[in-house]
C-alpha atoms as a PDB file:
ATOM      1  CA  UNK A   1     -22.696 -10.717  -2.972  1.00  0.00           C
ATOM      2  CA  UNK A   2     -20.912  -7.592  -3.716  1.00  0.00           C
ATOM      3  CA  UNK A   3     -17.097  -7.482  -2.548  1.00  0.00           C
ATOM      4  CA  UNK A   4     -17.752  -5.001  -0.397  1.00  0.00           C
ATOM      5  CA  UNK A   5     -20.512  -6.504   1.677  1.00  0.00           C
ATOM      6  CA  UNK A   6     -18.375  -9.289   2.087  1.00  0.00           C
ATOM      7  CA  UNK A   7     -15.464  -6.716   3.256  1.00  0.00           C
ATOM      8  CA  UNK A   8     -17.325  -4.834   5.227  1.00  0.00           C
ATOM      9  CA  UNK A   9     -18.982  -8.035   7.065  1.00  0.00           C
ATOM     10  CA  UNK A  10     -15.635  -9.970   7.979  1.00  0.00           C
ATOM     11  CA  UNK A  11     -14.445  -6.124   9.495  1.00  0.00           C
ATOM     12  CA  UNK A  12     -17.366  -6.249  11.290  1.00  0.00           C
ATOM     13  CA  UNK A  13     -17.041  -9.508  12.998  1.00  0.00           C
ATOM     14  CA  UNK A  14     -13.458  -9.234  13.369  1.00  0.00           C
ATOM     15  CA  UNK A  15     -14.218  -6.108  15.115  1.00  0.00           C
ATOM     16  CA  UNK A  16     -16.887  -7.719  17.319  1.00  0.00           C
ATOM     17  CA  UNK A  17     -14.119 -10.504  18.414  1.00  0.00           C
ATOM     18  CA  UNK A  18     -11.509  -8.458  19.003  1.00  0.00           C
ATOM     19  CA  UNK A  19     -13.875  -6.540  21.540  1.00  0.00           C
ATOM     20  CA  UNK A  20     -15.324  -9.768  23.114  1.00  0.00           C
ATOM     21  CA  UNK A  21     -11.669 -10.689  23.945  1.00  0.00           C
ATOM     22  CA  UNK A  22     -10.592  -7.583  25.139  1.00  0.00           C
ATOM     23  CA  UNK A  23     -13.545  -7.229  27.759  1.00  0.00           C
ATOM     24  CA  UNK A  24     -12.948 -11.140  28.728  1.00  0.00           C
ATOM     25  CA  UNK A  25      -8.845 -10.490  29.516  1.00  0.00           C
ATOM     26  CA  UNK A  26     -10.562  -6.700  31.407  1.00  0.00           C
ATOM     27  CA  UNK A  27     -12.503  -9.365  33.247  1.00  0.00           C
ATOM     28  CA  UNK A  28     -10.143 -11.632  34.029  1.00  0.00           C
ATOM     29  CA  UNK A  29      -7.804  -8.981  34.959  1.00  0.00           C
ATOM     30  CA  UNK A  30     -11.015  -7.466  37.375  1.00  0.00           C
ATOM     31  CA  UNK A  31     -10.705 -11.414  39.329  1.00  0.00           C
ATOM     32  CA  UNK A  32      -7.436 -10.792  39.644  1.00  0.00           C
ATOM     33  CA  UNK A  33      -7.336  -7.623  41.180  1.00  0.00           C
ATOM     34  CA  UNK A  34     -10.622  -8.515  43.387  1.00  0.00           C
ATOM     35  CA  UNK A  35      -8.494 -11.271  44.576  1.00  0.00           C
ATOM     36  CA  UNK A  36      -5.480  -9.507  45.509  1.00  0.00           C
ATOM     37  CA  UNK A  37      -7.743  -6.499  47.265  1.00  0.00           C
ATOM     38  CA  UNK A  38      -9.265  -8.905  49.425  1.00  0.00           C
ATOM     39  CA  UNK A  39     -12.814  -8.862  48.040  1.00  0.00           C
ATOM     40  CA  UNK A  40     -13.257 -11.816  48.169  1.00  0.00           C
ATOM     41  CA  UNK A  41     -13.041 -12.246  52.250  1.00  0.00           C
ATOM     42  CA  UNK A  42     -16.315 -10.888  52.280  1.00  0.00           C
ATOM     43  CA  UNK A  43     -17.943 -10.888  48.971  1.00  0.00           C
ATOM     44  CA  UNK A  44     -17.389 -14.494  48.050  1.00  0.00           C
ATOM     45  CA  UNK A  45     -15.157 -15.738  44.819  1.00  0.00           C
ATOM     46  CA  UNK A  46     -18.175 -14.490  42.725  1.00  0.00           C
ATOM     47  CA  UNK A  47     -19.200 -11.242  43.928  1.00  0.00           C
ATOM     48  CA  UNK A  48     -22.399 -13.687  45.458  1.00  0.00           C
ATOM     49  CA  UNK A  49     -21.994 -11.588  49.313  1.00  0.00           C
ATOM     50  CA  UNK A  50     -23.091 -13.209  52.491  1.00  0.00           C
ATOM     51  CA  UNK A  51     -25.472 -12.206  55.078  1.00  0.00           C
ATOM     52  CA  UNK A  52     -22.924 -12.304  57.818  1.00  0.00           C
ATOM     53  CA  UNK A  53     -19.475 -10.234  56.104  1.00  0.00           C
ATOM     54  CA  UNK A  54     -20.944  -8.936  52.971  1.00  0.00           C
ATOM     55  CA  UNK A  55     -23.387  -7.915  50.435  1.00  0.00           C
ATOM     56  CA  UNK A  56     -23.971  -9.122  46.812  1.00  0.00           C
ATOM     57  CA  UNK A  57     -22.009  -7.687  44.269  1.00  0.00           C
ATOM     58  CA  UNK A  58     -22.806  -9.818  41.378  1.00  0.00           C
ATOM     59  CA  UNK A  59     -24.881 -10.286  38.873  1.00  0.00           C
ATOM     60  CA  UNK A  60     -26.234  -6.179  38.470  1.00  0.00           C
ATOM     61  CA  UNK A  61     -23.272  -4.788  39.966  1.00  0.00           C
ATOM     62  CA  UNK A  62     -23.919  -0.758  40.503  1.00  0.00           C
ATOM     63  CA  UNK A  63     -23.257   2.229  38.698  1.00  0.00           C
ATOM     64  CA  UNK A  64     -19.706   3.027  38.930  1.00  0.00           C
ATOM     65  CA  UNK A  65     -19.855   6.174  40.625  1.00  0.00           C
ATOM     66  CA  UNK A  66     -22.035   4.590  42.473  1.00  0.00           C
ATOM     67  CA  UNK A  67     -19.396   1.882  43.328  1.00  0.00           C
ATOM     68  CA  UNK A  68     -16.212   3.970  43.844  1.00  0.00           C
ATOM     69  CA  UNK A  69     -18.066   6.284  46.494  1.00  0.00           C
ATOM     70  CA  UNK A  70     -18.555   3.094  48.643  1.00  0.00           C
ATOM     71  CA  UNK A  71     -15.371   1.621  48.144  1.00  0.00           C
ATOM     72  CA  UNK A  72     -13.704   5.480  49.059  1.00  0.00           C
ATOM     73  CA  UNK A  73     -15.797   5.706  52.007  1.00  0.00           C
ATOM     74  CA  UNK A  74     -17.765   2.495  52.488  1.00  0.00           C
ATOM     75  CA  UNK A  75     -21.111   2.997  55.130  1.00  0.00           C
ATOM     76  CA  UNK A  76     -19.743   0.426  57.309  1.00  0.00           C
ATOM     77  CA  UNK A  77     -17.646  -1.737  58.887  1.00  0.00           C
ATOM     78  CA  UNK A  78     -15.898  -2.419  54.951  1.00  0.00           C
ATOM     79  CA  UNK A  79     -12.475  -0.903  55.157  1.00  0.00           C
ATOM     80  CA  UNK A  80     -11.907   2.258  52.940  1.00  0.00           C
ATOM     81  CA  UNK A  81     -10.111   1.772  50.251  1.00  0.00           C
ATOM     82  CA  UNK A  82      -8.014   4.832  48.780  1.00  0.00           C
ATOM     83  CA  UNK A  83      -7.287   5.537  45.302  1.00  0.00           C
ATOM     84  CA  UNK A  84      -3.012   5.277  46.511  1.00  0.00           C
ATOM     85  CA  UNK A  85      -4.223   1.487  47.360  1.00  0.00           C
ATOM     86  CA  UNK A  86      -7.211   1.138  44.395  1.00  0.00           C
ATOM     87  CA  UNK A  87      -6.850   2.641  41.435  1.00  0.00           C
ATOM     88  CA  UNK A  88      -9.883   3.911  40.116  1.00  0.00           C
ATOM     89  CA  UNK A  89      -8.393   1.635  36.460  1.00  0.00           C
ATOM     90  CA  UNK A  90      -8.115  -1.223  39.077  1.00  0.00           C
ATOM     91  CA  UNK A  91     -11.686  -0.531  40.124  1.00  0.00           C
ATOM     92  CA  UNK A  92     -13.175  -0.063  36.786  1.00  0.00           C
ATOM     93  CA  UNK A  93     -11.375  -3.531  35.991  1.00  0.00           C
ATOM     94  CA  UNK A  94     -13.213  -5.594  39.301  1.00  0.00           C
ATOM     95  CA  UNK A  95     -16.478  -3.453  38.101  1.00  0.00           C
ATOM     96  CA  UNK A  96     -15.835  -5.412  35.015  1.00  0.00           C
ATOM     97  CA  UNK A  97     -15.365  -8.504  36.458  1.00  0.00           C
ATOM     98  CA  UNK A  98     -18.474  -8.219  38.389  1.00  0.00           C
ATOM     99  CA  UNK A  99     -20.568  -7.449  35.001  1.00  0.00           C
ATOM    100  CA  UNK A 100     -19.531 -10.419  33.628  1.00  0.00           C
ATOM    101  CA  UNK A 101     -20.961 -12.738  35.936  1.00  0.00           C
ATOM    102  CA  UNK A 102     -24.176 -14.260  34.559  1.00  0.00           C
ATOM    103  CA  UNK A 103     -27.528 -14.704  36.752  1.00  0.00           C
ATOM    104  CA  UNK A 104     -27.351 -18.258  37.766  1.00  0.00           C
ATOM    105  CA  UNK A 105     -29.772 -20.506  36.275  1.00  0.00           C
ATOM    106  CA  UNK A 106     -33.249 -20.472  37.787  1.00  0.00           C
ATOM    107  CA  UNK A 107     -33.513 -23.427  40.197  1.00  0.00           C
ATOM    108  CA  UNK A 108     -36.386 -25.115  38.422  1.00  0.00           C
ATOM    109  CA  UNK A 109     -33.573 -25.883  35.629  1.00  0.00           C
ATOM    110  CA  UNK A 110     -31.506 -27.982  37.808  1.00  0.00           C
ATOM    111  CA  UNK A 111     -32.467 -31.595  37.896  1.00  0.00           C
ATOM    112  CA  UNK A 112     -32.237 -32.123  41.410  1.00  0.00           C
ATOM    113  CA  UNK A 113     -33.818 -29.131  42.907  1.00  0.00           C
ATOM    114  CA  UNK A 114     -36.526 -29.326  39.711  1.00  0.00           C
ATOM    115  CA  UNK A 115     -37.733 -33.381  41.262  1.00  0.00           C
ATOM    116  CA  UNK A 116     -38.518 -32.206  44.728  1.00  0.00           C
ATOM    117  CA  UNK A 117     -41.274 -29.440  43.255  1.00  0.00           C
END
């Protein structure tokens, strides 16, 4: 293998690993902010939501602009969070946390439930 190609490959891998670590760190910071701001009380620790308290936020959360508008001017009983209370940066980290939550497994793939079908 040409040494330039090898070096380029190493640089690409190192960059991808650094971005992945940074993304994981940002998502963890977002999880902390989610709990600190009390979001988990109504939306659950994984953003799964509950009918009587708050809608599902993850997986596949809404775009930042929509999310921000709802957080700043909620349409129902949710308290409003001004930028003084919850900065846009912290709000973006919360959204990154919600984006990091994977889809739940298919019920049929869970052995205890698959037996009952």
